[in-house]
Amino acid sequence: MNNRIKHGDKVKVDVYDEAGKLMGEKTGDDFYNLTDAIETAYTAVLPTAGDIRDYVFTVYNLTDGTSGRYRLNADEHVKLLE
């Protein structure tokens, strides 16, 4: 798995709540890295929600065909989920 995003890559981010319910998605090609993609999607999908650490994000790099599920840890660093 690549786990990288370069500016210009076509990326889709799905945002899920703790129960696994899809809350929404954000697609774009202007993200600089995983953190940027996740934070932008969170703000777009849940602008008035509580803590970003309560959500799971599936990030699809549509340019290179990779994907991963992520969560932000207590220090708000992106953590790959297995």
N, C-alpha and C. Protein backbone atom coordinates (compact mmCIF):
# COMPACT_ATOMS: atom_id res chain seq x y z
N MET A 1 0.85 -1.18 0.00
CA MET A 1 0.00 0.00 0.00
C MET A 1 0.89 1.24 0.00
N ASN A 2 0.53 2.19 -0.80
CA ASN A 2 1.32 3.40 -0.98
C ASN A 2 1.16 4.38 0.17
N ASN A 3 -0.07 4.64 0.61
CA ASN A 3 -0.36 5.56 1.73
C ASN A 3 0.19 6.96 1.50
N ARG A 4 0.26 7.37 0.26
CA ARG A 4 0.75 8.71 -0.04
C ARG A 4 -0.23 9.43 -0.94
N ILE A 5 -0.24 10.72 -0.79
CA ILE A 5 -1.03 11.57 -1.68
C ILE A 5 -0.11 12.69 -2.14
N LYS A 6 -0.09 12.88 -3.43
CA LYS A 6 0.65 14.01 -3.99
C LYS A 6 -0.36 15.02 -4.51
N HIS A 7 0.01 16.30 -4.45
CA HIS A 7 -0.86 17.33 -4.99
C HIS A 7 -1.16 17.01 -6.45
N GLY A 8 -2.42 17.00 -6.80
CA GLY A 8 -2.83 16.67 -8.15
C GLY A 8 -3.42 15.27 -8.27
N ASP A 9 -3.17 14.38 -7.28
CA ASP A 9 -3.79 13.07 -7.30
C ASP A 9 -5.29 13.22 -7.08
N LYS A 10 -6.08 12.44 -7.78
CA LYS A 10 -7.54 12.41 -7.59
C LYS A 10 -7.80 11.56 -6.35
N VAL A 11 -8.44 12.16 -5.35
CA VAL A 11 -8.63 11.50 -4.05
C VAL A 11 -10.09 11.59 -3.64
N LYS A 12 -10.58 10.49 -3.05
CA LYS A 12 -11.93 10.46 -2.46
C LYS A 12 -11.77 10.05 -1.00
N VAL A 13 -12.44 10.77 -0.11
CA VAL A 13 -12.40 10.46 1.32
C VAL A 13 -13.83 10.21 1.79
N ASP A 14 -14.09 9.01 2.34
CA ASP A 14 -15.36 8.69 2.97
C ASP A 14 -15.21 8.90 4.47
N VAL A 15 -16.21 9.50 5.09
CA VAL A 15 -16.19 9.78 6.52
C VAL A 15 -17.25 8.91 7.21
N TYR A 16 -16.82 8.12 8.20
CA TYR A 16 -17.71 7.22 8.94
C TYR A 16 -17.74 7.59 10.41
N ASP A 17 -18.93 7.44 11.02
CA ASP A 17 -19.01 7.66 12.46
C ASP A 17 -18.55 6.40 13.19
N GLU A 18 -18.59 6.43 14.52
CA GLU A 18 -18.09 5.29 15.31
C GLU A 18 -18.91 4.02 15.12
N ALA A 19 -20.16 4.15 14.70
CA ALA A 19 -21.01 2.99 14.45
C ALA A 19 -20.79 2.42 13.04
N GLY A 20 -19.96 3.07 12.25
CA GLY A 20 -19.69 2.61 10.91
C GLY A 20 -20.63 3.16 9.85
N LYS A 21 -21.43 4.15 10.22
CA LYS A 21 -22.36 4.76 9.28
C LYS A 21 -21.63 5.79 8.43
N LEU A 22 -21.82 5.70 7.10
CA LEU A 22 -21.21 6.66 6.20
C LEU A 22 -21.89 8.01 6.39
N MET A 23 -21.10 9.01 6.75
CA MET A 23 -21.64 10.35 7.00
C MET A 23 -21.57 11.23 5.76
N GLY A 24 -20.66 10.91 4.85
CA GLY A 24 -20.51 11.68 3.62
C GLY A 24 -19.16 11.44 3.00
N GLU A 25 -18.92 12.12 1.89
CA GLU A 25 -17.64 11.97 1.20
C GLU A 25 -17.19 13.29 0.61
N LYS A 26 -15.92 13.36 0.34
CA LYS A 26 -15.31 14.54 -0.29
C LYS A 26 -14.32 14.03 -1.34
N THR A 27 -14.42 14.57 -2.54
CA THR A 27 -13.52 14.20 -3.62
C THR A 27 -12.80 15.45 -4.09
N GLY A 28 -11.53 15.30 -4.44
CA GLY A 28 -10.78 16.43 -4.94
C GLY A 28 -9.41 16.02 -5.43
N ASP A 29 -8.70 16.99 -5.99
CA ASP A 29 -7.33 16.74 -6.45
C ASP A 29 -6.38 17.83 -5.95
N ASP A 30 -6.78 18.50 -4.90
CA ASP A 30 -5.98 19.61 -4.39
C ASP A 30 -5.43 19.36 -2.98
N PHE A 31 -5.34 18.09 -2.59
CA PHE A 31 -4.81 17.75 -1.27
C PHE A 31 -3.30 17.57 -1.37
N TYR A 32 -2.59 17.92 -0.31
CA TYR A 32 -1.14 17.81 -0.29
C TYR A 32 -0.65 16.55 0.40
N ASN A 33 -1.47 15.98 1.30
CA ASN A 33 -1.08 14.77 2.03
C ASN A 33 -2.33 14.17 2.67
N LEU A 34 -2.16 13.05 3.36
CA LEU A 34 -3.30 12.37 4.00
C LEU A 34 -3.99 13.25 5.03
N THR A 35 -3.22 13.92 5.86
CA THR A 35 -3.81 14.77 6.89
C THR A 35 -4.66 15.86 6.27
N ASP A 36 -4.16 16.49 5.23
CA ASP A 36 -4.91 17.53 4.54
C ASP A 36 -6.21 16.98 3.97
N ALA A 37 -6.16 15.81 3.35
CA ALA A 37 -7.36 15.20 2.77
C ALA A 37 -8.39 14.88 3.85
N ILE A 38 -7.94 14.29 4.95
CA ILE A 38 -8.84 13.91 6.04
C ILE A 38 -9.46 15.14 6.70
N GLU A 39 -8.65 16.13 7.02
CA GLU A 39 -9.17 17.33 7.68
C GLU A 39 -10.12 18.11 6.77
N THR A 40 -9.82 18.17 5.48
CA THR A 40 -10.70 18.86 4.54
C THR A 40 -12.03 18.14 4.40
N ALA A 41 -11.99 16.81 4.31
CA ALA A 41 -13.22 16.03 4.20
C ALA A 41 -14.07 16.18 5.46
N TYR A 42 -13.43 16.11 6.61
CA TYR A 42 -14.14 16.24 7.88
C TYR A 42 -14.85 17.59 7.96
N THR A 43 -14.16 18.65 7.62
CA THR A 43 -14.74 19.99 7.66
C THR A 43 -15.88 20.13 6.66
N ALA A 44 -15.75 19.54 5.49
CA ALA A 44 -16.78 19.64 4.45
C ALA A 44 -18.02 18.83 4.81
N VAL A 45 -17.81 17.64 5.35
CA VAL A 45 -18.93 16.73 5.64
C VAL A 45 -19.59 17.06 6.97
N LEU A 46 -18.81 17.40 7.98
CA LEU A 46 -19.32 17.60 9.33
C LEU A 46 -18.84 18.94 9.89
N PRO A 47 -19.27 20.05 9.32
CA PRO A 47 -18.72 21.35 9.74
C PRO A 47 -19.02 21.74 11.19
N THR A 48 -20.04 21.16 11.79
CA THR A 48 -20.38 21.51 13.17
C THR A 48 -20.25 20.32 14.13
N ALA A 49 -19.60 19.26 13.66
CA ALA A 49 -19.45 18.06 14.49
C ALA A 49 -18.44 18.30 15.60
N GLY A 50 -18.37 17.35 16.50
CA GLY A 50 -17.46 17.44 17.63
C GLY A 50 -16.03 17.12 17.27
N ASP A 51 -15.49 16.10 17.86
CA ASP A 51 -14.08 15.75 17.77
C ASP A 51 -13.77 14.92 16.54
N ILE A 52 -12.82 15.36 15.74
CA ILE A 52 -12.42 14.64 14.53
C ILE A 52 -11.92 13.23 14.86
N ARG A 53 -11.42 13.03 16.08
CA ARG A 53 -10.90 11.72 16.49
C ARG A 53 -12.00 10.68 16.69
N ASP A 54 -13.27 11.11 16.64
CA ASP A 54 -14.38 10.18 16.79
C ASP A 54 -14.80 9.54 15.46
N TYR A 55 -14.11 9.85 14.39
CA TYR A 55 -14.52 9.40 13.06
C TYR A 55 -13.42 8.56 12.40
N VAL A 56 -13.84 7.71 11.48
CA VAL A 56 -12.93 6.88 10.68
C VAL A 56 -13.02 7.38 9.25
N PHE A 57 -11.88 7.40 8.56
CA PHE A 57 -11.80 7.92 7.21
C PHE A 57 -11.21 6.87 6.28
N THR A 58 -11.91 6.59 5.20
CA THR A 58 -11.34 5.74 4.16
C THR A 58 -10.89 6.67 3.04
N VAL A 59 -9.61 6.63 2.75
CA VAL A 59 -9.02 7.50 1.75
C VAL A 59 -8.66 6.66 0.54
N TYR A 60 -9.23 7.02 -0.60
CA TYR A 60 -8.97 6.34 -1.87
C TYR A 60 -8.13 7.27 -2.74
N ASN A 61 -6.95 6.83 -3.12
CA ASN A 61 -6.16 7.57 -4.10
C ASN A 61 -6.55 6.98 -5.45
N LEU A 62 -7.45 7.65 -6.15
CA LEU A 62 -7.98 7.14 -7.41
C LEU A 62 -6.94 7.21 -8.52
N THR A 63 -5.90 7.99 -8.34
CA THR A 63 -4.85 8.10 -9.34
C THR A 63 -3.98 6.85 -9.38
N ASP A 64 -3.60 6.34 -8.19
CA ASP A 64 -2.73 5.16 -8.19
C ASP A 64 -3.42 3.89 -7.71
N GLY A 65 -4.71 3.96 -7.39
CA GLY A 65 -5.49 2.77 -7.05
C GLY A 65 -5.28 2.24 -5.64
N THR A 66 -4.72 3.04 -4.75
CA THR A 66 -4.53 2.58 -3.37
C THR A 66 -5.60 3.17 -2.46
N SER A 67 -5.75 2.56 -1.29
CA SER A 67 -6.70 3.08 -0.30
C SER A 67 -6.26 2.62 1.08
N GLY A 68 -6.81 3.26 2.09
CA GLY A 68 -6.54 2.88 3.47
C GLY A 68 -7.59 3.48 4.38
N ARG A 69 -7.76 2.84 5.53
CA ARG A 69 -8.68 3.35 6.56
C ARG A 69 -7.85 3.98 7.65
N TYR A 70 -8.26 5.17 8.08
CA TYR A 70 -7.48 5.95 9.02
C TYR A 70 -8.34 6.53 10.12
N ARG A 71 -7.66 6.86 11.19
CA ARG A 71 -8.26 7.57 12.31
C ARG A 71 -7.18 8.49 12.86
N LEU A 72 -7.58 9.59 13.45
CA LEU A 72 -6.60 10.46 14.10
C LEU A 72 -6.45 10.02 15.55
N ASN A 73 -5.20 9.91 16.01
CA ASN A 73 -4.97 9.47 17.39
C ASN A 73 -5.07 10.66 18.35
N ALA A 74 -4.74 10.44 19.61
CA ALA A 74 -4.90 11.48 20.63
C ALA A 74 -4.08 12.73 20.33
N ASP A 75 -2.95 12.56 19.63
CA ASP A 75 -2.12 13.70 19.25
C ASP A 75 -2.52 14.28 17.90
N GLU A 76 -3.65 13.80 17.36
CA GLU A 76 -4.17 14.20 16.07
C GLU A 76 -3.22 13.92 14.91
N HIS A 77 -2.49 12.79 15.03
CA HIS A 77 -1.68 12.29 13.94
C HIS A 77 -2.48 11.18 13.24
N VAL A 78 -2.33 11.06 11.94
CA VAL A 78 -3.05 10.05 11.17
C VAL A 78 -2.48 8.67 11.50
N LYS A 79 -3.40 7.75 11.80
CA LYS A 79 -3.03 6.38 12.15
C LYS A 79 -3.74 5.43 11.19
N LEU A 80 -2.97 4.56 10.52
CA LEU A 80 -3.53 3.56 9.63
C LEU A 80 -4.20 2.47 10.46
N LEU A 81 -5.45 2.13 10.12
CA LEU A 81 -6.16 1.05 10.79
C LEU A 81 -5.96 -0.24 10.01
N GLU A 82 -5.90 -1.33 10.70
CA GLU A 82 -5.72 -2.62 10.03
C GLU A 82 -7.04 -3.25 9.74
